[in-house]
C-alpha atoms as a PDB file:
ATOM      1  CA  MET A   1     161.352 100.440  88.455  1.00  0.00           C
ATOM      2  CA  ARG A   2     158.617  97.461  89.465  1.00  0.00           C
ATOM      3  CA  THR A   3     157.808  99.238  92.778  1.00  0.00           C
ATOM      4  CA  ARG A   4     156.971 102.432  91.061  1.00  0.00           C
ATOM      5  CA  ARG A   5     154.904 100.616  88.334  1.00  0.00           C
ATOM      6  CA  ASN A   6     152.985  99.053  91.291  1.00  0.00           C
ATOM      7  CA  LEU A   7     152.652 102.197  93.200  1.00  0.00           C
ATOM      8  CA  VAL A   8     151.044 103.880  90.356  1.00  0.00           C
ATOM      9  CA  LEU A   9     148.857 101.027  89.701  1.00  0.00           C
ATOM     10  CA  LEU A  10     147.730 101.128  93.488  1.00  0.00           C
ATOM     11  CA  LEU A  11     147.185 104.975  93.194  1.00  0.00           C
ATOM     12  CA  PHE A  12     145.057 104.419  90.004  1.00  0.00           C
ATOM     13  CA  VAL A  13     143.055 101.774  91.560  1.00  0.00           C
ATOM     14  CA  VAL A  14     142.158 104.077  94.556  1.00  0.00           C
ATOM     15  CA  PHE A  15     141.569 106.926  92.289  1.00  0.00           C
ATOM     16  CA  LEU A  16     139.095 104.686  90.422  1.00  0.00           C
ATOM     17  CA  LEU A  17     137.128 103.802  93.598  1.00  0.00           C
ATOM     18  CA  THR A  18     136.686 107.100  94.797  1.00  0.00           C
ATOM     19  CA  VAL A  19     135.535 108.308  91.496  1.00  0.00           C
ATOM     20  CA  ASN A  20     132.753 105.190  91.315  1.00  0.00           C
ATOM     21  CA  ASN A  21     131.651 106.183  95.124  1.00  0.00           C
ATOM     22  CA  SER A  22     131.595 109.658  94.900  1.00  0.00           C
ATOM     23  CA  PRO A  23     128.199 110.127  92.663  1.00  0.00           C
ATOM     24  CA  HIS A  24     126.551 108.388  95.463  1.00  0.00           C
ATOM     25  CA  ILE A  25     127.557 110.270  98.118  1.00  0.00           C
ATOM     26  CA  LEU A  26     126.828 113.747  96.164  1.00  0.00           C
ATOM     27  CA  SER A  27     123.392 112.523  95.457  1.00  0.00           C
ATOM     28  CA  ASN A  28     122.675 111.779  98.575  1.00  0.00           C
ATOM     29  CA  ILE A  29     123.525 114.977  99.891  1.00  0.00           C
ATOM     30  CA  SER A  30     121.424 116.764  97.473  1.00  0.00           C
ATOM     31  CA  THR A  31     118.347 114.831  97.868  1.00  0.00           C
ATOM     32  CA  THR A  32     118.126 115.607 101.920  1.00  0.00           C
ATOM     33  CA  ASN A  33     117.830 119.166 101.133  1.00  0.00           C
ATOM     34  CA  ALA A  34     114.426 118.369  99.980  1.00  0.00           C
ATOM     35  CA  ILE A  35     112.750 116.641 102.784  1.00  0.00           C
ATOM     36  CA  PRO A  36     110.350 118.942 104.503  1.00  0.00           C
ATOM     37  CA  THR A  37     110.265 119.205 108.302  1.00  0.00           C
ATOM     38  CA  GLN A  38     108.570 116.836 110.281  1.00  0.00           C
ATOM     39  CA  GLY A  39     105.038 117.984 111.793  1.00  0.00           C
ATOM     40  CA  SER A  40     104.352 120.208 108.546  1.00  0.00           C
ATOM     41  CA  ARG A  41     101.269 119.728 106.932  1.00  0.00           C
ATOM     42  CA  GLY A  42     100.355 116.556 105.160  1.00  0.00           C
ATOM     43  CA  SER A  43     102.591 114.463 107.181  1.00  0.00           C
ATOM     44  CA  LEU A  44     102.450 110.937 109.020  1.00  0.00           C
ATOM     45  CA  LYS A  45     104.726 109.733 111.368  1.00  0.00           C
ATOM     46  CA  VAL A  46     105.800 105.809 111.504  1.00  0.00           C
ATOM     47  CA  ASN A  47     107.187 104.569 115.035  1.00  0.00           C
ATOM     48  CA  GLY A  48     107.199 100.492 115.796  1.00  0.00           C
ATOM     49  CA  THR A  49     106.724 101.055 119.080  1.00  0.00           C
ATOM     50  CA  GLY A  50     103.447 102.995 119.157  1.00  0.00           C
ATOM     51  CA  SER A  51     104.759 106.913 119.695  1.00  0.00           C
ATOM     52  CA  GLY A  52     103.937 107.638 116.351  1.00  0.00           C
ATOM     53  CA  ASP A  53     100.895 108.265 114.277  1.00  0.00           C
ATOM     54  CA  HIS A  54     101.172 104.498 112.802  1.00  0.00           C
ATOM     55  CA  THR A  55     102.927 101.561 113.804  1.00  0.00           C
ATOM     56  CA  THR A  56     103.437  99.901 110.207  1.00  0.00           C
ATOM     57  CA  ILE A  57     104.478 101.819 106.845  1.00  0.00           C
ATOM     58  CA  GLN A  58     101.772 100.353 105.099  1.00  0.00           C
ATOM     59  CA  ALA A  59      99.169 101.942 107.849  1.00  0.00           C
ATOM     60  CA  ALA A  60     100.443 105.059 106.973  1.00  0.00           C
ATOM     61  CA  ILE A  61     100.562 104.878 103.313  1.00  0.00           C
ATOM     62  CA  ASP A  62      97.061 103.787 103.307  1.00  0.00           C
ATOM     63  CA  ASN A  63      96.030 106.635 105.656  1.00  0.00           C
ATOM     64  CA  ALA A  64      97.885 109.270 103.582  1.00  0.00           C
ATOM     65  CA  THR A  65      96.624 111.204 100.782  1.00  0.00           C
ATOM     66  CA  SER A  66      98.494 112.341  97.861  1.00  0.00           C
ATOM     67  CA  GLY A  67     101.544 114.531  98.137  1.00  0.00           C
ATOM     68  CA  ASP A  68     101.589 113.515 101.978  1.00  0.00           C
ATOM     69  CA  THR A  69     105.356 112.683 103.666  1.00  0.00           C
ATOM     70  CA  ILE A  70     105.623 109.941 105.688  1.00  0.00           C
ATOM     71  CA  PHE A  71     108.548 110.472 108.439  1.00  0.00           C
ATOM     72  CA  VAL A  72     109.763 106.687 109.465  1.00  0.00           C
ATOM     73  CA  ASP A  73     111.571 106.278 112.498  1.00  0.00           C
ATOM     74  CA  PRO A  74     114.458 103.944 112.992  1.00  0.00           C
ATOM     75  CA  GLY A  75     113.563 100.313 113.098  1.00  0.00           C
ATOM     76  CA  ILE A  76     112.813  96.970 111.891  1.00  0.00           C
ATOM     77  CA  TYR A  77     109.690  96.885 109.791  1.00  0.00           C
ATOM     78  CA  ASN A  78     109.341  93.507 108.513  1.00  0.00           C
ATOM     79  CA  GLU A  79     106.173  94.196 105.819  1.00  0.00           C
ATOM     80  CA  THR A  80     105.780  94.294 102.091  1.00  0.00           C
ATOM     81  CA  ILE A  81     104.354  97.553 101.172  1.00  0.00           C
ATOM     82  CA  THR A  82     102.176  98.375  98.237  1.00  0.00           C
ATOM     83  CA  ILE A  83     102.362 102.282  97.200  1.00  0.00           C
ATOM     84  CA  SER A  84      99.496 103.865  94.708  1.00  0.00           C
ATOM     85  CA  LYS A  85      99.946 107.245  95.117  1.00  0.00           C
ATOM     86  CA  PRO A  86     102.551 109.892  95.190  1.00  0.00           C
ATOM     87  CA  LEU A  87     103.902 110.503  98.558  1.00  0.00           C
ATOM     88  CA  GLN A  88     107.189 111.412 100.202  1.00  0.00           C
ATOM     89  CA  LEU A  89     109.144 108.809 102.269  1.00  0.00           C
END
């Protein structure tokens, strides 16, 4: 009887962990559908090695106009950014 109770408790904990993580997974999937394709009008590319339009995120933000999309290549960007206009990152 004690083993059965422990099993039920374990299954309940696993269920709670699954339910709590599901909204995050689903929200990430739904937001990726709204991302415009790279190279579309009004887009800027940030690449820390220099192969993009800008090497820092803040430089891209400063040179973007309202509604532009900024694509950031993978990498480490140690900077503080300020966004004062509607943009997509």
